[in-house]
Amino acid sequence: MGIHLPSVIQHAKQVLKLQSKSQRDVPKGHIAVYVGEIEKTRFVVPIWYLNHPSFLDLLNRAEEEFGFNHPMGGLTIPCDADAFVHLTSRLHACLNPTRL
């Protein structure tokens, strides 16, 4: 019984990426982040991701690069969007509190 990784990543993209830039609502318990080296993509992630060491590494990189001045007006993470989707899909699969 294995996990089909491409379908997990595709599901994560559907869950995380907002389909419309006009949709700016962030559900309670979530945070909006902007991800990308050059072109920024907006994702909405659960706040419990912030406690995971891998996500904390991304936040440390963001602090080193931007300090407290985030050019997009929100939390900006200097990471490739595909790598971010891969990380968050792993977090979702491994740490989703609804699976406990």
C-alpha atoms as a PDB file:
ATOM      1  CA  MET A   1       0.000   0.000   0.000  1.00  0.00           C
ATOM      2  CA  GLY A   2       1.957   3.034  -1.231  1.00  0.00           C
ATOM      3  CA  ILE A   3       1.297   6.641  -1.885  1.00  0.00           C
ATOM      4  CA  HIS A   4       1.219   7.734  -5.505  1.00  0.00           C
ATOM      5  CA  LEU A   5       3.470  10.788  -5.224  1.00  0.00           C
ATOM      6  CA  PRO A   6       2.349  12.689  -8.356  1.00  0.00           C
ATOM      7  CA  SER A   7      -1.275  12.582  -7.198  1.00  0.00           C
ATOM      8  CA  VAL A   8      -0.257  13.784  -3.709  1.00  0.00           C
ATOM      9  CA  ILE A   9       1.656  16.702  -5.216  1.00  0.00           C
ATOM     10  CA  GLN A  10      -1.203  17.528  -7.563  1.00  0.00           C
ATOM     11  CA  HIS A  11      -3.617  17.473  -4.621  1.00  0.00           C
ATOM     12  CA  ALA A  12      -1.283  19.752  -2.653  1.00  0.00           C
ATOM     13  CA  LYS A  13      -1.176  22.214  -5.549  1.00  0.00           C
ATOM     14  CA  GLN A  14      -4.969  22.273  -5.678  1.00  0.00           C
ATOM     15  CA  VAL A  15      -5.273  22.776  -1.923  1.00  0.00           C
ATOM     16  CA  LEU A  16      -2.477  25.309  -1.504  1.00  0.00           C
ATOM     17  CA  LYS A  17      -2.537  27.509  -4.583  1.00  0.00           C
ATOM     18  CA  LEU A  18      -5.301  30.047  -4.818  1.00  0.00           C
ATOM     19  CA  GLN A  19      -6.936  29.914  -8.211  1.00  0.00           C
ATOM     20  CA  SER A  20      -7.638  33.626  -8.429  1.00  0.00           C
ATOM     21  CA  LYS A  21      -5.574  36.612  -7.336  1.00  0.00           C
ATOM     22  CA  SER A  22      -8.813  38.368  -6.464  1.00  0.00           C
ATOM     23  CA  GLN A  23      -9.527  35.750  -3.787  1.00  0.00           C
ATOM     24  CA  ARG A  24      -7.602  37.192  -0.837  1.00  0.00           C
ATOM     25  CA  ASP A  25      -9.423  35.581   2.078  1.00  0.00           C
ATOM     26  CA  VAL A  26      -7.279  33.491   4.386  1.00  0.00           C
ATOM     27  CA  PRO A  27      -9.218  30.950   6.456  1.00  0.00           C
ATOM     28  CA  LYS A  28      -8.839  30.954  10.212  1.00  0.00           C
ATOM     29  CA  GLY A  29      -5.826  28.875  11.225  1.00  0.00           C
ATOM     30  CA  HIS A  30      -3.953  29.567   7.976  1.00  0.00           C
ATOM     31  CA  ILE A  31      -1.354  32.026   6.719  1.00  0.00           C
ATOM     32  CA  ALA A  32      -0.710  33.383   3.243  1.00  0.00           C
ATOM     33  CA  VAL A  33       2.874  33.208   1.986  1.00  0.00           C
ATOM     34  CA  TYR A  34       4.508  34.296  -1.252  1.00  0.00           C
ATOM     35  CA  VAL A  35       6.963  31.793  -2.686  1.00  0.00           C
ATOM     36  CA  GLY A  36       9.429  32.016  -5.531  1.00  0.00           C
ATOM     37  CA  GLU A  37      12.872  33.200  -6.486  1.00  0.00           C
ATOM     38  CA  ILE A  38      11.787  35.601  -9.248  1.00  0.00           C
ATOM     39  CA  GLU A  39       8.058  35.242  -9.870  1.00  0.00           C
ATOM     40  CA  LYS A  40       6.082  34.975  -6.626  1.00  0.00           C
ATOM     41  CA  THR A  41       3.167  32.592  -6.171  1.00  0.00           C
ATOM     42  CA  ARG A  42       0.716  33.007  -3.297  1.00  0.00           C
ATOM     43  CA  PHE A  43      -0.034  29.952  -1.171  1.00  0.00           C
ATOM     44  CA  VAL A  44      -2.243  29.547   1.882  1.00  0.00           C
ATOM     45  CA  VAL A  45      -0.921  27.031   4.414  1.00  0.00           C
ATOM     46  CA  PRO A  46      -2.076  25.869   7.845  1.00  0.00           C
ATOM     47  CA  ILE A  47      -0.279  27.627  10.689  1.00  0.00           C
ATOM     48  CA  TRP A  48       0.740  24.297  12.215  1.00  0.00           C
ATOM     49  CA  TYR A  49       3.282  23.981   9.368  1.00  0.00           C
ATOM     50  CA  LEU A  50       5.239  26.777  11.092  1.00  0.00           C
ATOM     51  CA  ASN A  51       6.283  24.385  13.875  1.00  0.00           C
ATOM     52  CA  HIS A  52       7.991  21.879  11.579  1.00  0.00           C
ATOM     53  CA  PRO A  53      11.828  22.095  11.372  1.00  0.00           C
ATOM     54  CA  SER A  54      11.805  22.028   7.544  1.00  0.00           C
ATOM     55  CA  PHE A  55       9.402  24.951   7.398  1.00  0.00           C
ATOM     56  CA  LEU A  56      11.396  26.779  10.076  1.00  0.00           C
ATOM     57  CA  ASP A  57      14.457  26.471   7.813  1.00  0.00           C
ATOM     58  CA  LEU A  58      12.517  28.283   5.085  1.00  0.00           C
ATOM     59  CA  LEU A  59      11.504  30.987   7.541  1.00  0.00           C
ATOM     60  CA  ASN A  60      15.134  31.437   8.594  1.00  0.00           C
ATOM     61  CA  ARG A  61      16.130  31.835   4.932  1.00  0.00           C
ATOM     62  CA  ALA A  62      13.381  34.423   4.513  1.00  0.00           C
ATOM     63  CA  GLU A  63      14.644  36.318   7.562  1.00  0.00           C
ATOM     64  CA  GLU A  64      18.221  36.276   6.240  1.00  0.00           C
ATOM     65  CA  GLU A  65      17.155  37.550   2.813  1.00  0.00           C
ATOM     66  CA  PHE A  66      14.385  39.992   3.665  1.00  0.00           C
ATOM     67  CA  GLY A  67      14.628  40.686   7.399  1.00  0.00           C
ATOM     68  CA  PHE A  68      11.277  42.178   8.287  1.00  0.00           C
ATOM     69  CA  ASN A  69      10.857  43.971   4.958  1.00  0.00           C
ATOM     70  CA  HIS A  70       8.840  41.625   2.761  1.00  0.00           C
ATOM     71  CA  PRO A  71       8.380  43.136  -0.715  1.00  0.00           C
ATOM     72  CA  MET A  72       5.017  41.487  -1.405  1.00  0.00           C
ATOM     73  CA  GLY A  73       3.426  42.939   1.736  1.00  0.00           C
ATOM     74  CA  GLY A  74       3.167  39.470   3.263  1.00  0.00           C
ATOM     75  CA  LEU A  75       5.532  36.726   4.297  1.00  0.00           C
ATOM     76  CA  THR A  76       7.841  36.082   1.327  1.00  0.00           C
ATOM     77  CA  ILE A  77       9.838  32.843   1.175  1.00  0.00           C
ATOM     78  CA  PRO A  78      12.852  32.684  -1.172  1.00  0.00           C
ATOM     79  CA  CYS A  79      12.274  29.153  -2.396  1.00  0.00           C
ATOM     80  CA  ASP A  80      11.401  27.536  -5.709  1.00  0.00           C
ATOM     81  CA  ALA A  81       7.608  27.068  -5.876  1.00  0.00           C
ATOM     82  CA  ASP A  82       7.944  23.393  -6.889  1.00  0.00           C
ATOM     83  CA  ALA A  83      10.229  22.723  -3.901  1.00  0.00           C
ATOM     84  CA  PHE A  84       7.720  24.486  -1.638  1.00  0.00           C
ATOM     85  CA  VAL A  85       4.857  22.367  -2.976  1.00  0.00           C
ATOM     86  CA  HIS A  86       6.943  19.238  -2.443  1.00  0.00           C
ATOM     87  CA  LEU A  87       7.717  20.233   1.167  1.00  0.00           C
ATOM     88  CA  THR A  88       4.150  21.168   2.032  1.00  0.00           C
ATOM     89  CA  SER A  89       2.760  18.007   0.443  1.00  0.00           C
ATOM     90  CA  ARG A  90       5.124  15.964   2.649  1.00  0.00           C
ATOM     91  CA  LEU A  91       4.035  17.955   5.695  1.00  0.00           C
ATOM     92  CA  HIS A  92       0.390  17.444   4.804  1.00  0.00           C
ATOM     93  CA  ALA A  93       0.848  13.689   4.330  1.00  0.00           C
ATOM     94  CA  CYS A  94       2.945  13.174   7.479  1.00  0.00           C
ATOM     95  CA  LEU A  95       1.683  15.694   9.993  1.00  0.00           C
ATOM     96  CA  ASN A  96      -1.959  16.361   9.140  1.00  0.00           C
ATOM     97  CA  PRO A  97      -3.576  16.512  12.587  1.00  0.00           C
ATOM     98  CA  THR A  98      -6.881  15.181  11.235  1.00  0.00           C
ATOM     99  CA  ARG A  99      -5.141  11.877  10.496  1.00  0.00           C
ATOM    100  CA  LEU A 100      -4.279  11.281  14.186  1.00  0.00           C
END
